[in-house]
Amino acid sequence: QIEEILTTENTLAEVREYAVVLAKKKNLPADILLLAVTSLP
């Protein structure tokens, strides 16, 4: 039922920044989380 998910560039920059922090915290590869960010619909 969700046709489109909208966000701002500012929000996406925040997601990129915290993805790296979360990767370290959760012991995950940062490049994989950053790739997941780029694939968000």
Full PDB file with SEQRES, HELIX, SHEET, SSBOND, CRYST1, ORIGX, SCALE, CONECT and MASTER records, all heavy atoms in Angstrom:
SEQRES   1 A   41  GLN ILE GLU GLU ILE LEU THR THR GLU ASN THR LEU ALA          
SEQRES   2 A   41  GLU VAL ARG GLU TYR ALA VAL VAL LEU ALA LYS LYS LYS          
SEQRES   3 A   41  ASN LEU PRO ALA ASP ILE LEU LEU LEU ALA VAL THR SER          
SEQRES   4 A   41  LEU PRO                                                      
HELIX    1 AA1 GLU A    9  LYS A   25  1                                  17    
HELIX    2 AA2 ALA A   30  THR A   38  1                                   9    
CRYST1    1.000    1.000    1.000  90.00  90.00  90.00 P 1           1          
ORIGX1      1.000000  0.000000  0.000000        0.00000                         
ORIGX2      0.000000  1.000000  0.000000        0.00000                         
ORIGX3      0.000000  0.000000  1.000000        0.00000                         
SCALE1      1.000000  0.000000  0.000000        0.00000                         
SCALE2      0.000000  1.000000  0.000000        0.00000                         
SCALE3      0.000000  0.000000  1.000000        0.00000                         
ATOM      1  N   GLN A   1       0.815  -1.211   0.000  1.00  0.00           N  
ATOM      2  CA  GLN A   1       0.000   0.000   0.000  1.00  0.00           C  
ATOM      3  C   GLN A   1       0.857   1.274   0.000  1.00  0.00           C  
ATOM      4  O   GLN A   1       0.338   2.357  -0.219  1.00  0.00           O  
ATOM      5  CB  GLN A   1      -0.947   0.003   1.193  1.00  0.00           C  
ATOM      6  CG  GLN A   1      -1.988  -1.086   1.082  1.00  0.00           C  
ATOM      7  CD  GLN A   1      -2.858  -1.184   2.310  1.00  0.00           C  
ATOM      8  OE1 GLN A   1      -2.483  -0.779   3.394  1.00  0.00           O  
ATOM      9  NE2 GLN A   1      -4.043  -1.725   2.126  1.00  0.00           N  
ATOM     10  N   ILE A   2       2.140   1.115   0.238  1.00  0.00           N  
ATOM     11  CA  ILE A   2       3.044   2.261   0.194  1.00  0.00           C  
ATOM     12  C   ILE A   2       3.495   2.436  -1.256  1.00  0.00           C  
ATOM     13  O   ILE A   2       4.230   1.619  -1.805  1.00  0.00           O  
ATOM     14  CB  ILE A   2       4.276   2.070   1.114  1.00  0.00           C  
ATOM     15  CG1 ILE A   2       3.844   1.812   2.551  1.00  0.00           C  
ATOM     16  CG2 ILE A   2       5.207   3.265   0.998  1.00  0.00           C  
ATOM     17  CD1 ILE A   2       3.149   2.965   3.229  1.00  0.00           C  
ATOM     18  N   GLU A   3       3.027   3.500  -1.852  1.00  0.00           N  
ATOM     19  CA  GLU A   3       3.343   3.783  -3.253  1.00  0.00           C  
ATOM     20  C   GLU A   3       4.757   4.320  -3.399  1.00  0.00           C  
ATOM     21  O   GLU A   3       5.481   3.949  -4.321  1.00  0.00           O  
ATOM     22  CB  GLU A   3       2.346   4.811  -3.786  1.00  0.00           C  
ATOM     23  CG  GLU A   3       2.605   5.272  -5.191  1.00  0.00           C  
ATOM     24  CD  GLU A   3       1.626   6.358  -5.610  1.00  0.00           C  
ATOM     25  OE1 GLU A   3       0.503   6.394  -5.087  1.00  0.00           O  
ATOM     26  OE2 GLU A   3       2.000   7.173  -6.450  1.00  0.00           O  
ATOM     27  N   GLU A   4       5.140   5.216  -2.471  1.00  0.00           N  
ATOM     28  CA  GLU A   4       6.435   5.867  -2.587  1.00  0.00           C  
ATOM     29  C   GLU A   4       6.896   6.333  -1.214  1.00  0.00           C  
ATOM     30  O   GLU A   4       6.104   6.820  -0.422  1.00  0.00           O  
ATOM     31  CB  GLU A   4       6.323   7.065  -3.535  1.00  0.00           C  
ATOM     32  CG  GLU A   4       7.622   7.690  -3.919  1.00  0.00           C  
ATOM     33  CD  GLU A   4       7.459   8.758  -4.995  1.00  0.00           C  
ATOM     34  OE1 GLU A   4       6.371   9.351  -5.118  1.00  0.00           O  
ATOM     35  OE2 GLU A   4       8.443   9.005  -5.702  1.00  0.00           O  
ATOM     36  N   ILE A   5       8.187   6.148  -0.947  1.00  0.00           N  
ATOM     37  CA  ILE A   5       8.792   6.612   0.296  1.00  0.00           C  
ATOM     38  C   ILE A   5       9.706   7.773  -0.061  1.00  0.00           C  
ATOM     39  O   ILE A   5      10.612   7.634  -0.891  1.00  0.00           O  
ATOM     40  CB  ILE A   5       9.582   5.482   0.978  1.00  0.00           C  
ATOM     41  CG1 ILE A   5       8.645   4.313   1.273  1.00  0.00           C  
ATOM     42  CG2 ILE A   5      10.261   5.993   2.246  1.00  0.00           C  
ATOM     43  CD1 ILE A   5       9.342   3.032   1.634  1.00  0.00           C  
ATOM     44  N   LEU A   6       9.428   8.915   0.559  1.00  0.00           N  
ATOM     45  CA  LEU A   6      10.173  10.130   0.264  1.00  0.00           C  
ATOM     46  C   LEU A   6      11.053  10.510   1.444  1.00  0.00           C  
ATOM     47  O   LEU A   6      10.710  10.260   2.599  1.00  0.00           O  
ATOM     48  CB  LEU A   6       9.200  11.276  -0.029  1.00  0.00           C  
ATOM     49  CG  LEU A   6       8.126  10.999  -1.083  1.00  0.00           C  
ATOM     50  CD1 LEU A   6       7.149  12.163  -1.167  1.00  0.00           C  
ATOM     51  CD2 LEU A   6       8.759  10.728  -2.424  1.00  0.00           C  
ATOM     52  N   THR A   7      12.180  11.131   1.161  1.00  0.00           N  
ATOM     53  CA  THR A   7      13.050  11.642   2.209  1.00  0.00           C  
ATOM     54  C   THR A   7      13.824  12.832   1.672  1.00  0.00           C  
ATOM     55  O   THR A   7      13.642  13.229   0.523  1.00  0.00           O  
ATOM     56  CB  THR A   7      13.981  10.525   2.743  1.00  0.00           C  
ATOM     57  OG1 THR A   7      14.529  10.939   3.996  1.00  0.00           O  
ATOM     58  CG2 THR A   7      15.084  10.184   1.769  1.00  0.00           C  
ATOM     59  N   THR A   8      14.680  13.373   2.520  1.00  0.00           N  
ATOM     60  CA  THR A   8      15.472  14.544   2.137  1.00  0.00           C  
ATOM     61  C   THR A   8      16.938  14.139   2.001  1.00  0.00           C  
ATOM     62  O   THR A   8      17.365  13.122   2.558  1.00  0.00           O  
ATOM     63  CB  THR A   8      15.358  15.646   3.201  1.00  0.00           C  
ATOM     64  OG1 THR A   8      16.015  15.208   4.397  1.00  0.00           O  
ATOM     65  CG2 THR A   8      13.908  16.001   3.485  1.00  0.00           C  
ATOM     66  N   GLU A   9      17.698  14.929   1.309  1.00  0.00           N  
ATOM     67  CA  GLU A   9      19.138  14.670   1.185  1.00  0.00           C  
ATOM     68  C   GLU A   9      19.797  14.745   2.556  1.00  0.00           C  
ATOM     69  O   GLU A   9      20.684  13.955   2.872  1.00  0.00           O  
ATOM     70  CB  GLU A   9      19.795  15.658   0.211  1.00  0.00           C  
ATOM     71  CG  GLU A   9      21.274  15.409   0.018  1.00  0.00           C  
ATOM     72  CD  GLU A   9      21.625  13.983  -0.449  1.00  0.00           C  
ATOM     73  OE1 GLU A   9      20.990  13.489  -1.390  1.00  0.00           O  
ATOM     74  OE2 GLU A   9      22.539  13.374   0.153  1.00  0.00           O  
ATOM     75  N   ASN A  10      19.339  15.671   3.378  1.00  0.00           N  
ATOM     76  CA  ASN A  10      19.860  15.816   4.736  1.00  0.00           C  
ATOM     77  C   ASN A  10      19.649  14.520   5.532  1.00  0.00           C  
ATOM     78  O   ASN A  10      20.541  14.056   6.241  1.00  0.00           O  
ATOM     79  CB  ASN A  10      19.150  16.999   5.409  1.00  0.00           C  
ATOM     80  CG  ASN A  10      19.931  17.586   6.531  1.00  0.00           C  
ATOM     81  OD1 ASN A  10      21.149  17.639   6.479  1.00  0.00           O  
ATOM     82  ND2 ASN A  10      19.235  18.038   7.555  1.00  0.00           N  
ATOM     83  N   THR A  11      18.480  13.936   5.411  1.00  0.00           N  
ATOM     84  CA  THR A  11      18.165  12.690   6.105  1.00  0.00           C  
ATOM     85  C   THR A  11      19.033  11.552   5.588  1.00  0.00           C  
ATOM     86  O   THR A  11      19.571  10.765   6.372  1.00  0.00           O  
ATOM     87  CB  THR A  11      16.676  12.338   5.941  1.00  0.00           C  
ATOM     88  OG1 THR A  11      15.892  13.385   6.498  1.00  0.00           O  
ATOM     89  CG2 THR A  11      16.332  11.031   6.615  1.00  0.00           C  
ATOM     90  N   LEU A  12      19.200  11.483   4.281  1.00  0.00           N  
ATOM     91  CA  LEU A  12      20.026  10.422   3.708  1.00  0.00           C  
ATOM     92  C   LEU A  12      21.483  10.558   4.146  1.00  0.00           C  
ATOM     93  O   LEU A  12      22.146   9.555   4.421  1.00  0.00           O  
ATOM     94  CB  LEU A  12      19.906  10.436   2.185  1.00  0.00           C  
ATOM     95  CG  LEU A  12      20.030   9.104   1.480  1.00  0.00           C  
ATOM     96  CD1 LEU A  12      19.145   8.034   2.084  1.00  0.00           C  
ATOM     97  CD2 LEU A  12      19.765   9.247   0.015  1.00  0.00           C  
ATOM     98  N   ALA A  13      21.975  11.783   4.262  1.00  0.00           N  
ATOM     99  CA  ALA A  13      23.340  12.015   4.761  1.00  0.00           C  
ATOM    100  C   ALA A  13      23.469  11.539   6.203  1.00  0.00           C  
ATOM    101  O   ALA A  13      24.479  10.932   6.587  1.00  0.00           O  
ATOM    102  CB  ALA A  13      23.697  13.487   4.650  1.00  0.00           C  
ATOM    103  N   GLU A  14      22.442  11.791   7.014  1.00  0.00           N  
ATOM    104  CA  GLU A  14      22.433  11.327   8.402  1.00  0.00           C  
ATOM    105  C   GLU A  14      22.443   9.796   8.449  1.00  0.00           C  
ATOM    106  O   GLU A  14      23.153   9.192   9.267  1.00  0.00           O  
ATOM    107  CB  GLU A  14      21.196  11.873   9.118  1.00  0.00           C  
ATOM    108  CG  GLU A  14      21.120  11.536  10.574  1.00  0.00           C  
ATOM    109  CD  GLU A  14      19.862  12.077  11.251  1.00  0.00           C  
ATOM    110  OE1 GLU A  14      19.086  12.841  10.639  1.00  0.00           O  
ATOM    111  OE2 GLU A  14      19.655  11.706  12.413  1.00  0.00           O  
ATOM    112  N   VAL A  15      21.692   9.158   7.569  1.00  0.00           N  
ATOM    113  CA  VAL A  15      21.649   7.694   7.508  1.00  0.00           C  
ATOM    114  C   VAL A  15      23.032   7.146   7.145  1.00  0.00           C  
ATOM    115  O   VAL A  15      23.514   6.193   7.762  1.00  0.00           O  
ATOM    116  CB  VAL A  15      20.579   7.201   6.513  1.00  0.00           C  
ATOM    117  CG1 VAL A  15      20.689   5.706   6.269  1.00  0.00           C  
ATOM    118  CG2 VAL A  15      19.197   7.562   7.019  1.00  0.00           C  
ATOM    119  N   ARG A  16      23.678   7.762   6.164  1.00  0.00           N  
ATOM    120  CA  ARG A  16      25.022   7.311   5.766  1.00  0.00           C  
ATOM    121  C   ARG A  16      25.996   7.422   6.943  1.00  0.00           C  
ATOM    122  O   ARG A  16      26.792   6.515   7.200  1.00  0.00           O  
ATOM    123  CB  ARG A  16      25.536   8.129   4.582  1.00  0.00           C  
ATOM    124  CG  ARG A  16      24.894   7.783   3.273  1.00  0.00           C  
ATOM    125  CD  ARG A  16      25.563   8.545   2.118  1.00  0.00           C  
ATOM    126  NE  ARG A  16      24.651   8.678   1.037  1.00  0.00           N  
ATOM    127  CZ  ARG A  16      24.001   9.800   0.700  1.00  0.00           C  
ATOM    128  NH1 ARG A  16      24.168  10.908   1.377  1.00  0.00           N  
ATOM    129  NH2 ARG A  16      23.175   9.814  -0.327  1.00  0.00           N  
ATOM    130  N   GLU A  17      25.923   8.537   7.640  1.00  0.00           N  
ATOM    131  CA  GLU A  17      26.811   8.779   8.782  1.00  0.00           C  
ATOM    132  C   GLU A  17      26.594   7.730   9.880  1.00  0.00           C  
ATOM    133  O   GLU A  17      27.545   7.122  10.370  1.00  0.00           O  
ATOM    134  CB  GLU A  17      26.549  10.177   9.340  1.00  0.00           C  
ATOM    135  CG  GLU A  17      27.353  10.513  10.572  1.00  0.00           C  
ATOM    136  CD  GLU A  17      26.969  11.854  11.175  1.00  0.00           C  
ATOM    137  OE1 GLU A  17      26.340  12.692  10.474  1.00  0.00           O  
ATOM    138  OE2 GLU A  17      27.289  12.073  12.353  1.00  0.00           O  
ATOM    139  N   TYR A  18      25.358   7.513  10.254  1.00  0.00           N  
ATOM    140  CA  TYR A  18      25.064   6.574  11.336  1.00  0.00           C  
ATOM    141  C   TYR A  18      25.195   5.117  10.919  1.00  0.00           C  
ATOM    142  O   TYR A  18      25.394   4.248  11.764  1.00  0.00           O  
ATOM    143  CB  TYR A  18      23.690   6.851  11.944  1.00  0.00           C  
ATOM    144  CG  TYR A  18      23.732   8.052  12.849  1.00  0.00           C  
ATOM    145  CD1 TYR A  18      23.202   9.265  12.442  1.00  0.00           C  
ATOM    146  CD2 TYR A  18      24.340   7.976  14.093  1.00  0.00           C  
ATOM    147  CE1 TYR A  18      23.268  10.379  13.269  1.00  0.00           C  
ATOM    148  CE2 TYR A  18      24.408   9.082  14.923  1.00  0.00           C  
ATOM    149  CZ  TYR A  18      23.871  10.279  14.501  1.00  0.00           C  
ATOM    150  OH  TYR A  18      23.944  11.383  15.309  1.00  0.00           O  
ATOM    151  N   ALA A  19      25.113   4.833   9.637  1.00  0.00           N  
ATOM    152  CA  ALA A  19      25.304   3.458   9.167  1.00  0.00           C  
ATOM    153  C   ALA A  19      26.712   2.987   9.508  1.00  0.00           C  
ATOM    154  O   ALA A  19      26.907   1.840   9.936  1.00  0.00           O  
ATOM    155  CB  ALA A  19      25.039   3.355   7.663  1.00  0.00           C  
ATOM    156  N   VAL A  20      27.679   3.869   9.366  1.00  0.00           N  
ATOM    157  CA  VAL A  20      29.067   3.522   9.700  1.00  0.00           C  
ATOM    158  C   VAL A  20      29.209   3.281  11.201  1.00  0.00           C  
ATOM    159  O   VAL A  20      29.838   2.314  11.630  1.00  0.00           O  
ATOM    160  CB  VAL A  20      30.030   4.632   9.218  1.00  0.00           C  
ATOM    161  CG1 VAL A  20      31.447   4.374   9.690  1.00  0.00           C  
ATOM    162  CG2 VAL A  20      29.979   4.752   7.698  1.00  0.00           C  
ATOM    163  N   VAL A  21      28.578   4.133  12.001  1.00  0.00           N  
ATOM    164  CA  VAL A  21      28.604   3.981  13.461  1.00  0.00           C  
ATOM    165  C   VAL A  21      27.933   2.664  13.873  1.00  0.00           C  
ATOM    166  O   VAL A  21      28.477   1.919  14.696  1.00  0.00           O  
ATOM    167  CB  VAL A  21      27.915   5.186  14.149  1.00  0.00           C  
ATOM    168  CG1 VAL A  21      27.761   4.970  15.637  1.00  0.00           C  
ATOM    169  CG2 VAL A  21      28.675   6.473  13.858  1.00  0.00           C  
ATOM    170  N   LEU A  22      26.790   2.392  13.286  1.00  0.00           N  
ATOM    171  CA  LEU A  22      26.072   1.149  13.609  1.00  0.00           C  
ATOM    172  C   LEU A  22      26.843  -0.090  13.165  1.00  0.00           C  
ATOM    173  O   LEU A  22      26.804  -1.120  13.839  1.00  0.00           O  
ATOM    174  CB  LEU A  22      24.688   1.157  12.964  1.00  0.00           C  
ATOM    175  CG  LEU A  22      23.665   2.048  13.636  1.00  0.00           C  
ATOM    176  CD1 LEU A  22      22.401   2.129  12.789  1.00  0.00           C  
ATOM    177  CD2 LEU A  22      23.334   1.537  15.022  1.00  0.00           C  
ATOM    178  N   ALA A  23      27.527   0.013  12.046  1.00  0.00           N  
ATOM    179  CA  ALA A  23      28.317  -1.124  11.565  1.00  0.00           C  
ATOM    180  C   ALA A  23      29.372  -1.492  12.604  1.00  0.00           C  
ATOM    181  O   ALA A  23      29.541  -2.672  12.935  1.00  0.00           O  
ATOM    182  CB  ALA A  23      28.972  -0.787  10.227  1.00  0.00           C  
ATOM    183  N   LYS A  24      30.059  -0.487  13.134  1.00  0.00           N  
ATOM    184  CA  LYS A  24      31.073  -0.753  14.160  1.00  0.00           C  
ATOM    185  C   LYS A  24      30.421  -1.335  15.412  1.00  0.00           C  
ATOM    186  O   LYS A  24      30.914  -2.305  15.981  1.00  0.00           O  
ATOM    187  CB  LYS A  24      31.816   0.531  14.513  1.00  0.00           C  
ATOM    188  CG  LYS A  24      32.767   0.987  13.447  1.00  0.00           C  
ATOM    189  CD  LYS A  24      33.475   2.263  13.849  1.00  0.00           C  
ATOM    190  CE  LYS A  24      34.336   2.778  12.702  1.00  0.00           C  
ATOM    191  NZ  LYS A  24      34.963   4.061  13.035  1.00  0.00           N  
ATOM    192  N   LYS A  25      29.322  -0.738  15.820  1.00  0.00           N  
ATOM    193  CA  LYS A  25      28.634  -1.164  17.039  1.00  0.00           C  
ATOM    194  C   LYS A  25      28.126  -2.600  16.942  1.00  0.00           C  
ATOM    195  O   LYS A  25      28.176  -3.357  17.906  1.00  0.00           O  
ATOM    196  CB  LYS A  25      27.474  -0.205  17.307  1.00  0.00           C  
ATOM    197  CG  LYS A  25      26.807  -0.379  18.635  1.00  0.00           C  
ATOM    198  CD  LYS A  25      25.764   0.709  18.826  1.00  0.00           C  
ATOM    199  CE  LYS A  25      25.164   0.632  20.206  1.00  0.00           C  
ATOM    200  NZ  LYS A  25      24.228   1.722  20.458  1.00  0.00           N  
ATOM    201  N   LYS A  26      27.643  -2.985  15.766  1.00  0.00           N  
ATOM    202  CA  LYS A  26      27.066  -4.315  15.569  1.00  0.00           C  
ATOM    203  C   LYS A  26      28.047  -5.294  14.933  1.00  0.00           C  
ATOM    204  O   LYS A  26      27.673  -6.394  14.548  1.00  0.00           O  
ATOM    205  CB  LYS A  26      25.793  -4.210  14.743  1.00  0.00           C  
ATOM    206  CG  LYS A  26      24.703  -3.426  15.464  1.00  0.00           C  
ATOM    207  CD  LYS A  26      23.380  -3.629  14.804  1.00  0.00           C  
ATOM    208  CE  LYS A  26      22.277  -2.989  15.578  1.00  0.00           C  
ATOM    209  NZ  LYS A  26      21.857  -3.761  16.733  1.00  0.00           N  
ATOM    210  N   ASN A  27      29.300  -4.838  14.789  1.00  0.00           N  
ATOM    211  CA  ASN A  27      30.359  -5.670  14.219  1.00  0.00           C  
ATOM    212  C   ASN A  27      29.993  -6.180  12.820  1.00  0.00           C  
ATOM    213  O   ASN A  27      30.118  -7.366  12.514  1.00  0.00           O  
ATOM    214  CB  ASN A  27      30.696  -6.831  15.158  1.00  0.00           C  
ATOM    215  CG  ASN A  27      32.081  -7.374  14.901  1.00  0.00           C  
ATOM    216  OD1 ASN A  27      32.939  -6.670  14.373  1.00  0.00           O  
ATOM    217  ND2 ASN A  27      32.305  -8.624  15.250  1.00  0.00           N  
ATOM    218  N   LEU A  28      29.507  -5.262  11.997  1.00  0.00           N  
ATOM    219  CA  LEU A  28      29.139  -5.567  10.615  1.00  0.00           C  
ATOM    220  C   LEU A  28      30.063  -4.801   9.674  1.00  0.00           C  
ATOM    221  O   LEU A  28      30.579  -3.740  10.029  1.00  0.00           O  
ATOM    222  CB  LEU A  28      27.692  -5.142  10.348  1.00  0.00           C  
ATOM    223  CG  LEU A  28      26.609  -5.843  11.160  1.00  0.00           C  
ATOM    224  CD1 LEU A  28      25.282  -5.114  11.005  1.00  0.00           C  
ATOM    225  CD2 LEU A  28      26.484  -7.293  10.722  1.00  0.00           C  
ATOM    226  N   PRO A  29      30.257  -5.287   8.468  1.00  0.00           N  
ATOM    227  CA  PRO A  29      31.075  -4.534   7.507  1.00  0.00           C  
ATOM    228  C   PRO A  29      30.378  -3.223   7.107  1.00  0.00           C  
ATOM    229  O   PRO A  29      29.241  -3.237   6.635  1.00  0.00           O  
ATOM    230  CB  PRO A  29      31.193  -5.474   6.305  1.00  0.00           C  
ATOM    231  CG  PRO A  29      30.679  -6.799   6.758  1.00  0.00           C  
ATOM    232  CD  PRO A  29      29.808  -6.560   7.943  1.00  0.00           C  
ATOM    233  N   ALA A  30      31.066  -2.116   7.300  1.00  0.00           N  
ATOM    234  CA  ALA A  30      30.497  -0.796   6.992  1.00  0.00           C  
ATOM    235  C   ALA A  30      30.123  -0.679   5.521  1.00  0.00           C  
ATOM    236  O   ALA A  30      29.089  -0.096   5.184  1.00  0.00           O  
ATOM    237  CB  ALA A  30      31.473   0.309   7.383  1.00  0.00           C  
ATOM    238  N   ASP A  31      30.945  -1.241   4.631  1.00  0.00           N  
ATOM    239  CA  ASP A  31      30.650  -1.119   3.198  1.00  0.00           C  
ATOM    240  C   ASP A  31      29.348  -1.826   2.820  1.00  0.00           C  
ATOM    241  O   ASP A  31      28.615  -1.364   1.933  1.00  0.00           O  
ATOM    242  CB  ASP A  31      31.816  -1.612   2.336  1.00  0.00           C  
ATOM    243  CG  ASP A  31      32.230  -3.049   2.628  1.00  0.00           C  
ATOM    244  OD1 ASP A  31      31.893  -3.569   3.713  1.00  0.00           O  
ATOM    245  OD2 ASP A  31      32.915  -3.645   1.770  1.00  0.00           O  
ATOM    246  N   ILE A  32      29.009  -2.903   3.524  1.00  0.00           N  
ATOM    247  CA  ILE A  32      27.749  -3.609   3.245  1.00  0.00           C  
ATOM    248  C   ILE A  32      26.561  -2.746   3.675  1.00  0.00           C  
ATOM    249  O   ILE A  32      25.568  -2.634   2.949  1.00  0.00           O  
ATOM    250  CB  ILE A  32      27.695  -4.980   3.960  1.00  0.00           C  
ATOM    251  CG1 ILE A  32      28.814  -5.885   3.481  1.00  0.00           C  
ATOM    252  CG2 ILE A  32      26.327  -5.634   3.799  1.00  0.00           C  
ATOM    253  CD1 ILE A  32      28.741  -6.249   2.018  1.00  0.00           C  
ATOM    254  N   LEU A  33      26.662  -2.118   4.852  1.00  0.00           N  
ATOM    255  CA  LEU A  33      25.562  -1.251   5.302  1.00  0.00           C  
ATOM    256  C   LEU A  33      25.423  -0.032   4.397  1.00  0.00           C  
ATOM    257  O   LEU A  33      24.311   0.390   4.089  1.00  0.00           O  
ATOM    258  CB  LEU A  33      25.763  -0.814   6.751  1.00  0.00           C  
ATOM    259  CG  LEU A  33      25.383  -1.829   7.814  1.00  0.00           C  
ATOM    260  CD1 LEU A  33      25.454  -1.215   9.203  1.00  0.00           C  
ATOM    261  CD2 LEU A  33      24.018  -2.412   7.585  1.00  0.00           C  
ATOM    262  N   LEU A  34      26.536   0.520   3.956  1.00  0.00           N  
ATOM    263  CA  LEU A  34      26.460   1.672   3.050  1.00  0.00           C  
ATOM    264  C   LEU A  34      25.856   1.267   1.709  1.00  0.00           C  
ATOM    265  O   LEU A  34      25.107   2.041   1.107  1.00  0.00           O  
ATOM    266  CB  LEU A  34      27.846   2.305   2.873  1.00  0.00           C  
ATOM    267  CG  LEU A  34      28.363   3.041   4.096  1.00  0.00           C  
ATOM    268  CD1 LEU A  34      29.821   3.449   3.910  1.00  0.00           C  
ATOM    269  CD2 LEU A  34      27.508   4.258   4.411  1.00  0.00           C  
ATOM    270  N   LEU A  35      26.145   0.076   1.257  1.00  0.00           N  
ATOM    271  CA  LEU A  35      25.518  -0.435   0.035  1.00  0.00           C  
ATOM    272  C   LEU A  35      24.016  -0.585   0.240  1.00  0.00           C  
ATOM    273  O   LEU A  35      23.214  -0.245  -0.638  1.00  0.00           O  
ATOM    274  CB  LEU A  35      26.143  -1.774  -0.365  1.00  0.00           C  
ATOM    275  CG  LEU A  35      25.608  -2.404  -1.640  1.00  0.00           C  
ATOM    276  CD1 LEU A  35      25.859  -1.506  -2.844  1.00  0.00           C  
ATOM    277  CD2 LEU A  35      26.242  -3.772  -1.850  1.00  0.00           C  
ATOM    278  N   ALA A  36      23.622  -1.061   1.425  1.00  0.00           N  
ATOM    279  CA  ALA A  36      22.195  -1.189   1.736  1.00  0.00           C  
ATOM    280  C   ALA A  36      21.518   0.176   1.719  1.00  0.00           C  
ATOM    281  O   ALA A  36      20.376   0.300   1.263  1.00  0.00           O  
ATOM    282  CB  ALA A  36      22.009  -1.858   3.096  1.00  0.00           C  
ATOM    283  N   VAL A  37      22.214   1.205   2.178  1.00  0.00           N  
ATOM    284  CA  VAL A  37      21.654   2.571   2.154  1.00  0.00           C  
ATOM    285  C   VAL A  37      21.380   2.990   0.715  1.00  0.00           C  
ATOM    286  O   VAL A  37      20.310   3.521   0.410  1.00  0.00           O  
ATOM    287  CB  VAL A  37      22.601   3.587   2.838  1.00  0.00           C  
ATOM    288  CG1 VAL A  37      22.123   5.012   2.611  1.00  0.00           C  
ATOM    289  CG2 VAL A  37      22.723   3.288   4.327  1.00  0.00           C  
ATOM    290  N   THR A  38      22.311   2.724  -0.177  1.00  0.00           N  
ATOM    291  CA  THR A  38      22.124   3.135  -1.576  1.00  0.00           C  
ATOM    292  C   THR A  38      21.007   2.361  -2.264  1.00  0.00           C  
ATOM    293  O   THR A  38      20.467   2.820  -3.262  1.00  0.00           O  
ATOM    294  CB  THR A  38      23.418   2.988  -2.405  1.00  0.00           C  
ATOM    295  OG1 THR A  38      23.800   1.620  -2.444  1.00  0.00           O  
ATOM    296  CG2 THR A  38      24.537   3.827  -1.829  1.00  0.00           C  
ATOM    297  N   SER A  39      20.663   1.189  -1.717  1.00  0.00           N  
ATOM    298  CA  SER A  39      19.610   0.397  -2.350  1.00  0.00           C  
ATOM    299  C   SER A  39      18.225   0.612  -1.724  1.00  0.00           C  
ATOM    300  O   SER A  39      17.267  -0.056  -2.118  1.00  0.00           O  
ATOM    301  CB  SER A  39      19.977  -1.090  -2.298  1.00  0.00           C  
ATOM    302  OG  SER A  39      19.972  -1.553  -0.974  1.00  0.00           O  
ATOM    303  N   LEU A  40      18.135   1.529  -0.764  1.00  0.00           N  
ATOM    304  CA  LEU A  40      16.830   1.809  -0.158  1.00  0.00           C  
ATOM    305  C   LEU A  40      15.858   2.313  -1.225  1.00  0.00           C  
ATOM    306  O   LEU A  40      16.221   3.150  -2.057  1.00  0.00           O  
ATOM    307  CB  LEU A  40      16.959   2.862   0.948  1.00  0.00           C  
ATOM    308  CG  LEU A  40      17.572   2.404   2.253  1.00  0.00           C  
ATOM    309  CD1 LEU A  40      17.905   3.612   3.139  1.00  0.00           C  
ATOM    310  CD2 LEU A  40      16.644   1.446   2.989  1.00  0.00           C  
ATOM    311  N   PRO A  41      14.626   1.841  -1.184  1.00  0.00           N  
ATOM    312  CA  PRO A  41      13.641   2.275  -2.185  1.00  0.00           C  
ATOM    313  C   PRO A  41      13.010   3.627  -1.814  1.00  0.00           C  
ATOM    314  O   PRO A  41      11.822   3.717  -1.515  1.00  0.00           O  
ATOM    315  CB  PRO A  41      12.602   1.142  -2.146  1.00  0.00           C  
ATOM    316  CG  PRO A  41      12.640   0.689  -0.715  1.00  0.00           C  
ATOM    317  CD  PRO A  41      14.083   0.816  -0.291  1.00  0.00           C  
TER     318      PRO A  41                                                      
MASTER        0    0    0    2    0    0    0    6  317    1    0    4          
END                                                                             
